[in-house]
Amino acid sequence: MTNFLEIKVVTNKRTEMIDITGEISDLIQKSGIKQGICYIYCPHTTAGIAINENADPTVAKDMLHTLNKLIPIDKSYLHREGNSDAHIKAALVSPSETIFIQDGKPALGTWQGIYFCEFDGPRTRRIWVKVSN
């Protein structure tokens, strides 16, 4: 038996940012923990987890546009699978985030949301979440 919960995410594009704030909030609420910590981890080398603005969807679009511009899909990478750009983007974004739990909710800033960041989709992905006090 694992000591973490799992969220499945189905992505539809090569690169996209999917707001998972609601799913994380639900897991925290179901845990019954009022004060604690929530660990969010992505066990994939071509995807990541980020906290950023979720009030304006153009922020996520701008982030993806900039990452794709800085780290393009390029045939000159040495990695044979053809997804080196995705590995580089995932390393920059990070595979995990840690969030405080306050009053049974994720303690996020006013405009913040939690995103699953896909860089090698479309795929079915997993996110591991551990809620603890």
N, C-alpha and C. Protein backbone atom coordinates (compact mmCIF):
# COMPACT_ATOMS: atom_id res chain seq x y z
N MET A 1 0.84 -1.20 0.00
CA MET A 1 0.00 0.00 0.00
C MET A 1 0.88 1.25 0.00
N THR A 2 0.54 2.19 -0.83
CA THR A 2 1.31 3.43 -0.91
C THR A 2 0.84 4.39 0.17
N ASN A 3 1.70 5.31 0.50
CA ASN A 3 1.33 6.32 1.49
C ASN A 3 1.09 7.67 0.82
N PHE A 4 0.73 7.64 -0.45
CA PHE A 4 0.37 8.86 -1.16
C PHE A 4 -0.85 8.59 -2.02
N LEU A 5 -1.49 9.65 -2.46
CA LEU A 5 -2.65 9.55 -3.35
C LEU A 5 -2.19 9.85 -4.77
N GLU A 6 -2.99 9.42 -5.73
CA GLU A 6 -2.61 9.62 -7.13
C GLU A 6 -3.74 10.31 -7.88
N ILE A 7 -3.35 11.28 -8.70
CA ILE A 7 -4.27 11.95 -9.62
C ILE A 7 -3.83 11.56 -11.02
N LYS A 8 -4.78 11.19 -11.86
CA LYS A 8 -4.46 10.94 -13.27
C LYS A 8 -4.83 12.18 -14.08
N VAL A 9 -3.95 12.53 -15.01
CA VAL A 9 -4.19 13.67 -15.88
C VAL A 9 -4.02 13.20 -17.32
N VAL A 10 -5.00 13.49 -18.15
CA VAL A 10 -4.92 13.17 -19.58
C VAL A 10 -4.65 14.48 -20.31
N THR A 11 -3.52 14.54 -21.02
CA THR A 11 -3.17 15.76 -21.75
C THR A 11 -3.54 15.59 -23.21
N ASN A 12 -3.75 16.71 -23.88
CA ASN A 12 -4.23 16.69 -25.26
C ASN A 12 -3.28 17.31 -26.28
N LYS A 13 -2.24 17.99 -25.78
CA LYS A 13 -1.31 18.70 -26.67
C LYS A 13 0.11 18.35 -26.31
N ARG A 14 1.04 18.68 -27.18
CA ARG A 14 2.47 18.45 -26.90
C ARG A 14 2.88 19.22 -25.65
N THR A 15 2.52 20.50 -25.58
CA THR A 15 2.81 21.30 -24.39
C THR A 15 1.51 21.95 -23.92
N GLU A 16 1.26 21.84 -22.63
CA GLU A 16 0.10 22.52 -22.05
C GLU A 16 0.25 22.58 -20.54
N MET A 17 -0.45 23.54 -19.97
CA MET A 17 -0.49 23.68 -18.53
C MET A 17 -1.94 23.48 -18.09
N ILE A 18 -2.15 22.52 -17.21
CA ILE A 18 -3.49 22.16 -16.76
C ILE A 18 -3.62 22.53 -15.29
N ASP A 19 -4.63 23.33 -14.99
CA ASP A 19 -4.88 23.77 -13.62
C ASP A 19 -5.40 22.58 -12.81
N ILE A 20 -4.65 22.17 -11.79
CA ILE A 20 -5.04 21.05 -10.93
C ILE A 20 -5.35 21.52 -9.50
N THR A 21 -5.54 22.81 -9.33
CA THR A 21 -5.79 23.37 -8.01
C THR A 21 -7.02 22.73 -7.36
N GLY A 22 -8.08 22.54 -8.13
CA GLY A 22 -9.31 21.95 -7.60
C GLY A 22 -9.10 20.53 -7.12
N GLU A 23 -8.38 19.73 -7.90
CA GLU A 23 -8.12 18.34 -7.50
C GLU A 23 -7.28 18.27 -6.23
N ILE A 24 -6.27 19.14 -6.14
CA ILE A 24 -5.43 19.18 -4.94
C ILE A 24 -6.25 19.63 -3.74
N SER A 25 -7.07 20.64 -3.90
CA SER A 25 -7.94 21.13 -2.82
C SER A 25 -8.87 20.03 -2.33
N ASP A 26 -9.44 19.26 -3.27
CA ASP A 26 -10.33 18.16 -2.90
C ASP A 26 -9.61 17.10 -2.08
N LEU A 27 -8.40 16.74 -2.48
CA LEU A 27 -7.63 15.74 -1.73
C LEU A 27 -7.31 16.23 -0.32
N ILE A 28 -6.96 17.50 -0.21
CA ILE A 28 -6.68 18.07 1.11
C ILE A 28 -7.93 18.02 1.97
N GLN A 29 -9.05 18.43 1.42
CA GLN A 29 -10.30 18.43 2.18
C GLN A 29 -10.68 17.02 2.63
N LYS A 30 -10.57 16.05 1.72
CA LYS A 30 -10.91 14.66 2.04
C LYS A 30 -9.97 14.07 3.10
N SER A 31 -8.75 14.58 3.19
CA SER A 31 -7.80 14.07 4.18
C SER A 31 -8.21 14.41 5.61
N GLY A 32 -8.97 15.49 5.76
CA GLY A 32 -9.38 15.93 7.08
C GLY A 32 -8.31 16.73 7.82
N ILE A 33 -7.17 16.91 7.19
CA ILE A 33 -6.08 17.66 7.82
C ILE A 33 -6.35 19.15 7.68
N LYS A 34 -6.33 19.85 8.80
CA LYS A 34 -6.63 21.29 8.80
C LYS A 34 -5.38 22.14 8.72
N GLN A 35 -4.30 21.70 9.34
CA GLN A 35 -3.03 22.43 9.33
C GLN A 35 -1.94 21.42 8.98
N GLY A 36 -1.18 21.67 7.94
CA GLY A 36 -0.14 20.72 7.58
C GLY A 36 0.58 21.11 6.29
N ILE A 37 1.00 20.08 5.58
CA ILE A 37 1.75 20.28 4.34
C ILE A 37 1.22 19.33 3.28
N CYS A 38 1.20 19.80 2.06
CA CYS A 38 0.81 18.99 0.91
C CYS A 38 2.00 18.94 -0.05
N TYR A 39 2.45 17.72 -0.34
CA TYR A 39 3.54 17.50 -1.29
C TYR A 39 2.93 17.03 -2.60
N ILE A 40 3.33 17.65 -3.69
CA ILE A 40 2.82 17.30 -5.01
C ILE A 40 4.03 16.94 -5.87
N TYR A 41 4.02 15.73 -6.43
CA TYR A 41 5.19 15.23 -7.17
C TYR A 41 4.76 14.62 -8.50
N CYS A 42 5.50 14.93 -9.53
CA CYS A 42 5.27 14.40 -10.87
C CYS A 42 6.37 13.37 -11.19
N PRO A 43 6.02 12.07 -11.31
CA PRO A 43 7.04 11.05 -11.55
C PRO A 43 7.37 10.85 -13.03
N HIS A 44 7.42 11.93 -13.78
CA HIS A 44 7.72 11.86 -15.21
C HIS A 44 8.86 12.82 -15.54
N THR A 45 9.74 12.42 -16.44
CA THR A 45 10.90 13.26 -16.76
C THR A 45 10.62 14.29 -17.84
N THR A 46 9.42 14.29 -18.39
CA THR A 46 9.08 15.27 -19.42
C THR A 46 7.82 16.07 -19.05
N ALA A 47 7.59 16.20 -17.76
CA ALA A 47 6.46 16.99 -17.26
C ALA A 47 6.85 17.54 -15.89
N GLY A 48 6.06 18.46 -15.38
CA GLY A 48 6.40 19.06 -14.09
C GLY A 48 5.20 19.67 -13.41
N ILE A 49 5.45 20.27 -12.26
CA ILE A 49 4.44 20.93 -11.45
C ILE A 49 4.89 22.37 -11.22
N ALA A 50 3.96 23.31 -11.36
CA ALA A 50 4.29 24.72 -11.15
C ALA A 50 3.16 25.42 -10.40
N ILE A 51 3.53 26.44 -9.66
CA ILE A 51 2.56 27.34 -9.05
C ILE A 51 2.73 28.69 -9.75
N ASN A 52 1.61 29.21 -10.25
CA ASN A 52 1.67 30.49 -10.92
C ASN A 52 0.27 31.08 -10.96
N GLU A 53 0.13 32.22 -11.60
CA GLU A 53 -1.16 32.89 -11.68
C GLU A 53 -2.18 32.03 -12.41
N ASN A 54 -3.40 31.97 -11.83
CA ASN A 54 -4.47 31.26 -12.54
C ASN A 54 -5.70 32.13 -12.75
N ALA A 55 -5.59 33.41 -12.50
CA ALA A 55 -6.72 34.32 -12.72
C ALA A 55 -6.85 34.68 -14.20
N ASP A 56 -5.75 34.74 -14.89
CA ASP A 56 -5.74 35.10 -16.31
C ASP A 56 -5.08 33.97 -17.09
N PRO A 57 -5.84 33.24 -17.91
CA PRO A 57 -5.29 32.09 -18.64
C PRO A 57 -4.19 32.44 -19.64
N THR A 58 -4.06 33.72 -19.97
CA THR A 58 -2.99 34.08 -20.91
C THR A 58 -1.61 33.97 -20.28
N VAL A 59 -1.53 33.96 -18.94
CA VAL A 59 -0.23 33.80 -18.28
C VAL A 59 0.34 32.42 -18.61
N ALA A 60 -0.47 31.38 -18.48
CA ALA A 60 -0.01 30.02 -18.82
C ALA A 60 0.36 29.93 -20.30
N LYS A 61 -0.43 30.56 -21.15
CA LYS A 61 -0.11 30.56 -22.59
C LYS A 61 1.22 31.27 -22.84
N ASP A 62 1.45 32.39 -22.16
CA ASP A 62 2.72 33.12 -22.32
C ASP A 62 3.89 32.29 -21.82
N MET A 63 3.70 31.59 -20.71
CA MET A 63 4.77 30.75 -20.18
C MET A 63 5.14 29.65 -21.17
N LEU A 64 4.14 28.97 -21.71
CA LEU A 64 4.41 27.91 -22.69
C LEU A 64 5.05 28.47 -23.96
N HIS A 65 4.53 29.60 -24.41
CA HIS A 65 5.09 30.24 -25.61
C HIS A 65 6.58 30.56 -25.41
N THR A 66 6.91 31.11 -24.26
CA THR A 66 8.30 31.48 -23.98
C THR A 66 9.19 30.25 -23.85
N LEU A 67 8.71 29.22 -23.12
CA LEU A 67 9.50 27.99 -23.00
C LEU A 67 9.73 27.35 -24.37
N ASN A 68 8.69 27.33 -25.21
CA ASN A 68 8.83 26.75 -26.54
C ASN A 68 9.77 27.57 -27.44
N LYS A 69 9.78 28.86 -27.23
CA LYS A 69 10.68 29.74 -27.99
C LYS A 69 12.13 29.56 -27.52
N LEU A 70 12.33 29.49 -26.21
CA LEU A 70 13.68 29.34 -25.66
C LEU A 70 14.24 27.94 -25.88
N ILE A 71 13.36 26.93 -25.82
CA ILE A 71 13.78 25.54 -25.93
C ILE A 71 12.90 24.87 -26.99
N PRO A 72 13.21 25.08 -28.24
CA PRO A 72 12.35 24.57 -29.31
C PRO A 72 12.51 23.06 -29.51
N ILE A 73 11.49 22.47 -30.13
CA ILE A 73 11.64 21.10 -30.62
C ILE A 73 12.68 21.20 -31.73
N ASP A 74 13.74 20.43 -31.63
CA ASP A 74 14.86 20.59 -32.54
C ASP A 74 15.43 19.21 -32.86
N LYS A 75 15.67 18.97 -34.10
CA LYS A 75 16.20 17.67 -34.52
C LYS A 75 17.69 17.51 -34.21
N SER A 76 18.35 18.56 -33.76
CA SER A 76 19.79 18.47 -33.54
C SER A 76 20.17 17.98 -32.14
N TYR A 77 19.18 17.76 -31.25
CA TYR A 77 19.50 17.21 -29.94
C TYR A 77 20.04 15.79 -30.11
N LEU A 78 20.87 15.35 -29.20
CA LEU A 78 21.50 14.03 -29.30
C LEU A 78 20.58 12.89 -28.84
N HIS A 79 19.66 13.18 -27.95
CA HIS A 79 18.75 12.16 -27.41
C HIS A 79 17.91 11.56 -28.54
N ARG A 80 17.96 10.25 -28.70
CA ARG A 80 17.34 9.58 -29.83
C ARG A 80 15.82 9.60 -29.84
N GLU A 81 15.19 9.77 -28.69
CA GLU A 81 13.72 9.74 -28.64
C GLU A 81 13.07 10.99 -29.25
N GLY A 82 13.85 12.04 -29.46
CA GLY A 82 13.31 13.24 -30.08
C GLY A 82 12.53 14.15 -29.13
N ASN A 83 12.74 13.97 -27.83
CA ASN A 83 12.00 14.80 -26.88
C ASN A 83 12.92 15.50 -25.88
N SER A 84 14.14 15.80 -26.30
CA SER A 84 15.07 16.48 -25.40
C SER A 84 14.53 17.82 -24.93
N ASP A 85 13.81 18.52 -25.80
CA ASP A 85 13.23 19.80 -25.38
C ASP A 85 12.31 19.61 -24.18
N ALA A 86 11.56 18.52 -24.16
CA ALA A 86 10.65 18.24 -23.05
C ALA A 86 11.42 17.96 -21.76
N HIS A 87 12.52 17.24 -21.86
CA HIS A 87 13.34 16.96 -20.67
C HIS A 87 13.92 18.26 -20.10
N ILE A 88 14.37 19.13 -20.96
CA ILE A 88 14.96 20.40 -20.51
C ILE A 88 13.90 21.28 -19.85
N LYS A 89 12.74 21.40 -20.49
CA LYS A 89 11.65 22.20 -19.91
C LYS A 89 11.22 21.66 -18.56
N ALA A 90 11.10 20.34 -18.44
CA ALA A 90 10.69 19.73 -17.17
C ALA A 90 11.72 20.00 -16.07
N ALA A 91 13.00 19.96 -16.43
CA ALA A 91 14.04 20.24 -15.44
C ALA A 91 13.97 21.69 -14.96
N LEU A 92 13.62 22.61 -15.83
CA LEU A 92 13.49 24.02 -15.44
C LEU A 92 12.26 24.27 -14.58
N VAL A 93 11.17 23.60 -14.88
CA VAL A 93 9.93 23.83 -14.16
C VAL A 93 9.95 23.17 -12.79
N SER A 94 10.49 21.97 -12.66
CA SER A 94 10.58 21.21 -11.41
C SER A 94 9.53 20.11 -11.38
N PRO A 95 9.88 18.99 -10.78
CA PRO A 95 8.91 17.89 -10.68
C PRO A 95 7.98 17.99 -9.48
N SER A 96 8.17 18.98 -8.61
CA SER A 96 7.37 18.99 -7.39
C SER A 96 7.14 20.39 -6.83
N GLU A 97 6.14 20.44 -5.96
CA GLU A 97 5.84 21.65 -5.19
C GLU A 97 5.40 21.21 -3.80
N THR A 98 5.65 22.06 -2.82
CA THR A 98 5.21 21.84 -1.45
C THR A 98 4.36 23.04 -1.05
N ILE A 99 3.18 22.76 -0.50
CA ILE A 99 2.24 23.82 -0.16
C ILE A 99 1.79 23.64 1.28
N PHE A 100 1.72 24.72 2.02
CA PHE A 100 1.17 24.67 3.36
C PHE A 100 -0.34 24.47 3.28
N ILE A 101 -0.88 23.81 4.29
CA ILE A 101 -2.33 23.65 4.43
C ILE A 101 -2.76 24.53 5.59
N GLN A 102 -3.72 25.39 5.35
CA GLN A 102 -4.25 26.31 6.36
C GLN A 102 -5.77 26.18 6.36
N ASP A 103 -6.35 25.86 7.49
CA ASP A 103 -7.80 25.71 7.62
C ASP A 103 -8.38 24.71 6.60
N GLY A 104 -7.64 23.63 6.34
CA GLY A 104 -8.11 22.58 5.44
C GLY A 104 -8.05 22.92 3.97
N LYS A 105 -7.29 23.98 3.61
CA LYS A 105 -7.19 24.42 2.22
C LYS A 105 -5.73 24.68 1.86
N PRO A 106 -5.38 24.57 0.58
CA PRO A 106 -4.01 24.94 0.21
C PRO A 106 -3.79 26.43 0.45
N ALA A 107 -2.69 26.78 1.09
CA ALA A 107 -2.38 28.18 1.39
C ALA A 107 -1.66 28.78 0.18
N LEU A 108 -2.46 29.26 -0.73
CA LEU A 108 -1.94 29.88 -1.95
C LEU A 108 -2.19 31.38 -1.92
N GLY A 109 -1.38 32.11 -2.68
CA GLY A 109 -1.58 33.54 -2.81
C GLY A 109 -2.87 33.83 -3.57
N THR A 110 -3.30 35.06 -3.51
CA THR A 110 -4.58 35.48 -4.11
C THR A 110 -4.76 35.01 -5.54
N TRP A 111 -3.73 35.11 -6.35
CA TRP A 111 -3.87 34.81 -7.77
C TRP A 111 -3.26 33.46 -8.15
N GLN A 112 -2.75 32.71 -7.17
CA GLN A 112 -2.00 31.50 -7.48
C GLN A 112 -2.89 30.28 -7.72
N GLY A 113 -2.39 29.42 -8.60
CA GLY A 113 -2.98 28.13 -8.86
C GLY A 113 -1.87 27.11 -9.03
N ILE A 114 -2.23 25.83 -9.00
CA ILE A 114 -1.27 24.74 -9.14
C ILE A 114 -1.48 24.13 -10.53
N TYR A 115 -0.40 24.00 -11.27
CA TYR A 115 -0.47 23.51 -12.64
C TYR A 115 0.33 22.23 -12.85
N PHE A 116 -0.25 21.33 -13.64
CA PHE A 116 0.51 20.23 -14.20
C PHE A 116 1.00 20.73 -15.55
N CYS A 117 2.30 20.61 -15.79
CA CYS A 117 2.91 21.14 -17.02
C CYS A 117 3.35 19.98 -17.91
N GLU A 118 2.70 19.84 -19.03
CA GLU A 118 3.02 18.78 -20.00
C GLU A 118 3.95 19.33 -21.07
N PHE A 119 5.03 18.59 -21.33
CA PHE A 119 5.98 19.02 -22.36
C PHE A 119 6.22 17.96 -23.44
N ASP A 120 5.55 16.81 -23.34
CA ASP A 120 5.76 15.72 -24.29
C ASP A 120 4.46 14.93 -24.50
N GLY A 121 3.39 15.66 -24.68
CA GLY A 121 2.08 15.01 -24.83
C GLY A 121 1.71 14.81 -26.28
N PRO A 122 0.51 14.35 -26.47
CA PRO A 122 -0.48 14.01 -25.45
C PRO A 122 -0.17 12.65 -24.79
N ARG A 123 -0.51 12.57 -23.50
CA ARG A 123 -0.26 11.36 -22.72
C ARG A 123 -1.24 11.28 -21.55
N THR A 124 -1.25 10.12 -20.93
CA THR A 124 -1.92 9.96 -19.64
C THR A 124 -0.82 9.98 -18.59
N ARG A 125 -0.95 10.88 -17.63
CA ARG A 125 0.10 11.12 -16.64
C ARG A 125 -0.43 10.86 -15.23
N ARG A 126 0.50 10.76 -14.30
CA ARG A 126 0.17 10.59 -12.89
C ARG A 126 0.79 11.71 -12.08
N ILE A 127 0.11 12.10 -11.03
CA ILE A 127 0.64 13.04 -10.06
C ILE A 127 0.47 12.39 -8.70
N TRP A 128 1.52 12.38 -7.93
CA TRP A 128 1.46 11.79 -6.58
C TRP A 128 1.34 12.92 -5.56
N VAL A 129 0.44 12.74 -4.61
CA VAL A 129 0.14 13.76 -3.62
C VAL A 129 0.18 13.13 -2.23
N LYS A 130 0.89 13.78 -1.33
CA LYS A 130 0.92 13.34 0.08
C LYS A 130 0.51 14.52 0.94
N VAL A 131 -0.50 14.29 1.76
CA VAL A 131 -0.99 15.31 2.68
C VAL A 131 -0.64 14.85 4.08
N SER A 132 0.00 15.72 4.83
CA SER A 132 0.41 15.33 6.17
C SER A 132 0.34 16.51 7.13
N ASN A 133 0.24 16.20 8.43
CA ASN A 133 0.19 17.27 9.41
C ASN A 133 1.47 17.33 10.20
